[in-house]
Amino acid sequence: MHAPHITMPLWSTASFGDSADTSAMEFSALGAHMAACKTLTGRLFVARCAAEAMHGFVASRLITTLVVAALLIGISSFIF
């Protein structure tokens, strides 16, 4: 029997051997991002979020929606 082979993790950090500390430029970019996010949460933010969610739902199920609509139209044309 062979002994189990233990592998080392295959990840590395971007610190390149230095300490992984946050720089002033990263804090500045984070502050700018937070300020931009704060301005985007206006009155229509909830409506925009709902519209994006509805678009994502319909876009991912476009073919199914079209098939169901065609079936309903076809069935209703035979009935009436």
N, C-alpha and C. Protein backbone atom coordinates (compact mmCIF):
# COMPACT_ATOMS: atom_id res chain seq x y z
N MET A 1 0.84 -1.18 0.00
CA MET A 1 0.00 0.00 0.00
C MET A 1 0.88 1.23 0.00
N HIS A 2 0.36 2.25 -0.64
CA HIS A 2 1.08 3.51 -0.68
C HIS A 2 0.62 4.41 0.46
N ALA A 3 1.54 5.19 0.95
CA ALA A 3 1.20 6.15 2.00
C ALA A 3 0.43 7.30 1.37
N PRO A 4 -0.55 7.86 2.06
CA PRO A 4 -1.31 8.98 1.49
C PRO A 4 -0.39 10.17 1.23
N HIS A 5 -0.61 10.80 0.10
CA HIS A 5 0.20 11.95 -0.30
C HIS A 5 -0.47 13.23 0.21
N ILE A 6 0.22 13.96 1.03
CA ILE A 6 -0.31 15.20 1.59
C ILE A 6 0.18 16.35 0.72
N THR A 7 -0.78 17.12 0.20
CA THR A 7 -0.41 18.25 -0.65
C THR A 7 -0.47 19.54 0.15
N MET A 8 0.38 20.46 -0.20
CA MET A 8 0.39 21.77 0.44
C MET A 8 -0.66 22.64 -0.25
N PRO A 9 -1.18 23.63 0.44
CA PRO A 9 -2.17 24.51 -0.20
C PRO A 9 -1.54 25.27 -1.37
N LEU A 10 -2.31 25.44 -2.43
CA LEU A 10 -1.82 26.09 -3.63
C LEU A 10 -2.32 27.52 -3.71
N TRP A 11 -2.06 28.33 -2.72
CA TRP A 11 -2.49 29.71 -2.72
C TRP A 11 -1.31 30.58 -2.30
N SER A 12 -1.41 31.82 -2.66
CA SER A 12 -0.38 32.77 -2.25
C SER A 12 -1.05 34.12 -2.03
N THR A 13 -0.35 34.99 -1.35
CA THR A 13 -0.89 36.33 -1.13
C THR A 13 -0.19 37.31 -2.05
N ALA A 14 -0.75 38.48 -2.13
CA ALA A 14 -0.16 39.52 -2.97
C ALA A 14 0.84 40.37 -2.18
N SER A 15 1.19 39.94 -0.99
CA SER A 15 2.11 40.75 -0.19
C SER A 15 3.56 40.52 -0.57
N PHE A 16 3.84 39.47 -1.35
CA PHE A 16 5.18 39.16 -1.85
C PHE A 16 6.21 39.11 -0.72
N GLY A 17 5.86 38.46 0.35
CA GLY A 17 6.79 38.28 1.45
C GLY A 17 6.75 39.38 2.49
N ASP A 18 6.14 40.52 2.19
CA ASP A 18 6.03 41.59 3.16
C ASP A 18 4.82 41.35 4.05
N SER A 19 4.61 42.24 4.99
CA SER A 19 3.42 42.10 5.83
C SER A 19 2.19 42.48 5.02
N ALA A 20 1.11 41.75 5.21
CA ALA A 20 -0.13 42.00 4.47
C ALA A 20 -0.92 43.08 5.19
N ASP A 21 -0.53 44.32 5.02
CA ASP A 21 -1.14 45.45 5.69
C ASP A 21 -1.90 46.30 4.67
N THR A 22 -2.89 47.02 5.12
CA THR A 22 -3.68 47.88 4.24
C THR A 22 -2.95 49.19 4.02
N SER A 23 -2.87 49.62 2.76
CA SER A 23 -2.15 50.86 2.46
C SER A 23 -3.11 52.05 2.49
N ALA A 24 -2.54 53.23 2.50
CA ALA A 24 -3.35 54.45 2.50
C ALA A 24 -4.13 54.59 1.20
N MET A 25 -3.57 54.13 0.09
CA MET A 25 -4.26 54.21 -1.19
C MET A 25 -5.48 53.28 -1.20
N GLU A 26 -5.39 52.13 -0.57
CA GLU A 26 -6.53 51.23 -0.47
C GLU A 26 -7.64 51.83 0.38
N PHE A 27 -7.27 52.49 1.49
CA PHE A 27 -8.27 53.16 2.31
C PHE A 27 -8.93 54.30 1.55
N SER A 28 -8.16 55.01 0.74
CA SER A 28 -8.71 56.11 -0.06
C SER A 28 -9.71 55.57 -1.08
N ALA A 29 -9.36 54.48 -1.75
CA ALA A 29 -10.26 53.87 -2.73
C ALA A 29 -11.52 53.35 -2.05
N LEU A 30 -11.37 52.76 -0.87
CA LEU A 30 -12.53 52.27 -0.13
C LEU A 30 -13.44 53.42 0.27
N GLY A 31 -12.85 54.53 0.71
CA GLY A 31 -13.65 55.70 1.07
C GLY A 31 -14.41 56.26 -0.12
N ALA A 32 -13.77 56.31 -1.29
CA ALA A 32 -14.44 56.79 -2.50
C ALA A 32 -15.59 55.85 -2.89
N HIS A 33 -15.36 54.56 -2.74
CA HIS A 33 -16.41 53.58 -3.06
C HIS A 33 -17.59 53.72 -2.11
N MET A 34 -17.31 53.89 -0.83
CA MET A 34 -18.38 54.04 0.15
C MET A 34 -19.17 55.32 -0.09
N ALA A 35 -18.49 56.40 -0.49
CA ALA A 35 -19.19 57.65 -0.79
C ALA A 35 -20.08 57.49 -2.02
N ALA A 36 -19.59 56.77 -3.02
CA ALA A 36 -20.40 56.53 -4.23
C ALA A 36 -21.61 55.67 -3.90
N CYS A 37 -21.44 54.68 -3.06
CA CYS A 37 -22.57 53.82 -2.67
C CYS A 37 -23.61 54.61 -1.88
N LYS A 38 -23.15 55.53 -1.05
CA LYS A 38 -24.07 56.31 -0.23
C LYS A 38 -24.93 57.22 -1.11
N THR A 39 -24.36 57.76 -2.18
CA THR A 39 -25.13 58.64 -3.06
C THR A 39 -26.13 57.85 -3.91
N LEU A 40 -25.87 56.57 -4.12
CA LEU A 40 -26.77 55.77 -4.95
C LEU A 40 -28.03 55.32 -4.22
N THR A 41 -28.07 55.44 -2.92
CA THR A 41 -29.22 54.99 -2.14
C THR A 41 -30.23 56.12 -1.98
N GLY A 42 -30.75 56.59 -3.08
CA GLY A 42 -31.74 57.66 -3.06
C GLY A 42 -33.14 57.11 -2.91
N ARG A 43 -34.11 57.92 -3.33
CA ARG A 43 -35.52 57.54 -3.19
C ARG A 43 -35.90 56.34 -4.03
N LEU A 44 -35.34 56.25 -5.21
CA LEU A 44 -35.72 55.18 -6.12
C LEU A 44 -34.84 53.94 -5.99
N PHE A 45 -34.04 53.86 -4.94
CA PHE A 45 -33.13 52.73 -4.79
C PHE A 45 -33.88 51.41 -4.69
N VAL A 46 -34.94 51.38 -3.91
CA VAL A 46 -35.72 50.15 -3.73
C VAL A 46 -36.38 49.75 -5.05
N ALA A 47 -36.91 50.73 -5.78
CA ALA A 47 -37.53 50.43 -7.07
C ALA A 47 -36.50 49.91 -8.06
N ARG A 48 -35.30 50.50 -8.04
CA ARG A 48 -34.24 50.05 -8.93
C ARG A 48 -33.83 48.63 -8.61
N CYS A 49 -33.73 48.31 -7.33
CA CYS A 49 -33.37 46.95 -6.91
C CYS A 49 -34.44 45.95 -7.33
N ALA A 50 -35.71 46.32 -7.17
CA ALA A 50 -36.80 45.44 -7.57
C ALA A 50 -36.80 45.22 -9.09
N ALA A 51 -36.54 46.29 -9.84
CA ALA A 51 -36.50 46.17 -11.30
C ALA A 51 -35.34 45.27 -11.74
N GLU A 52 -34.18 45.40 -11.09
CA GLU A 52 -33.05 44.54 -11.43
C GLU A 52 -33.34 43.08 -11.09
N ALA A 53 -34.01 42.84 -9.96
CA ALA A 53 -34.35 41.47 -9.58
C ALA A 53 -35.35 40.87 -10.57
N MET A 54 -36.35 41.66 -10.98
CA MET A 54 -37.34 41.17 -11.95
C MET A 54 -36.68 40.90 -13.30
N HIS A 55 -35.78 41.79 -13.71
CA HIS A 55 -35.08 41.59 -14.98
C HIS A 55 -34.24 40.31 -14.94
N GLY A 56 -33.56 40.09 -13.82
CA GLY A 56 -32.76 38.87 -13.68
C GLY A 56 -33.62 37.63 -13.71
N PHE A 57 -34.79 37.68 -13.09
CA PHE A 57 -35.70 36.53 -13.09
C PHE A 57 -36.23 36.23 -14.48
N VAL A 58 -36.69 37.27 -15.18
CA VAL A 58 -37.26 37.08 -16.51
C VAL A 58 -36.19 36.72 -17.53
N ALA A 59 -35.03 37.36 -17.45
CA ALA A 59 -33.97 37.11 -18.42
C ALA A 59 -33.45 35.68 -18.32
N SER A 60 -33.37 35.15 -17.13
CA SER A 60 -32.87 33.78 -16.98
C SER A 60 -33.92 32.74 -17.37
N ARG A 61 -35.17 33.13 -17.45
CA ARG A 61 -36.24 32.20 -17.80
C ARG A 61 -37.00 32.67 -19.04
N LEU A 62 -36.31 33.30 -19.97
CA LEU A 62 -36.96 33.89 -21.14
C LEU A 62 -37.63 32.84 -22.01
N ILE A 63 -36.94 31.77 -22.33
CA ILE A 63 -37.50 30.74 -23.20
C ILE A 63 -38.69 30.08 -22.54
N THR A 64 -38.59 29.77 -21.26
CA THR A 64 -39.70 29.16 -20.54
C THR A 64 -40.91 30.10 -20.52
N THR A 65 -40.66 31.39 -20.30
CA THR A 65 -41.74 32.37 -20.29
C THR A 65 -42.41 32.44 -21.66
N LEU A 66 -41.63 32.44 -22.72
CA LEU A 66 -42.19 32.49 -24.07
C LEU A 66 -42.99 31.23 -24.40
N VAL A 67 -42.52 30.07 -23.99
CA VAL A 67 -43.23 28.81 -24.24
C VAL A 67 -44.55 28.79 -23.48
N VAL A 68 -44.53 29.20 -22.22
CA VAL A 68 -45.76 29.22 -21.42
C VAL A 68 -46.75 30.22 -22.01
N ALA A 69 -46.29 31.38 -22.43
CA ALA A 69 -47.18 32.38 -23.04
C ALA A 69 -47.76 31.84 -24.34
N ALA A 70 -46.95 31.19 -25.16
CA ALA A 70 -47.45 30.63 -26.42
C ALA A 70 -48.48 29.53 -26.15
N LEU A 71 -48.23 28.70 -25.15
CA LEU A 71 -49.20 27.66 -24.81
C LEU A 71 -50.52 28.26 -24.33
N LEU A 72 -50.45 29.27 -23.49
CA LEU A 72 -51.67 29.91 -23.00
C LEU A 72 -52.44 30.57 -24.15
N ILE A 73 -51.74 31.22 -25.05
CA ILE A 73 -52.40 31.85 -26.21
C ILE A 73 -53.02 30.80 -27.10
N GLY A 74 -52.29 29.69 -27.33
CA GLY A 74 -52.80 28.62 -28.16
C GLY A 74 -54.02 27.94 -27.55
N ILE A 75 -53.98 27.66 -26.29
CA ILE A 75 -55.11 27.01 -25.61
C ILE A 75 -56.32 27.95 -25.59
N SER A 76 -56.07 29.23 -25.31
CA SER A 76 -57.20 30.17 -25.27
C SER A 76 -57.81 30.39 -26.64
N SER A 77 -57.02 30.26 -27.71
CA SER A 77 -57.59 30.41 -29.07
C SER A 77 -58.49 29.23 -29.43
N PHE A 78 -58.19 28.04 -28.90
CA PHE A 78 -59.06 26.89 -29.16
C PHE A 78 -60.35 26.97 -28.35
N ILE A 79 -60.27 27.54 -27.17
CA ILE A 79 -61.45 27.62 -26.30
C ILE A 79 -62.43 28.67 -26.80
N PHE A 80 -61.94 29.83 -27.21
CA PHE A 80 -62.82 30.93 -27.61
C PHE A 80 -62.94 30.90 -29.07
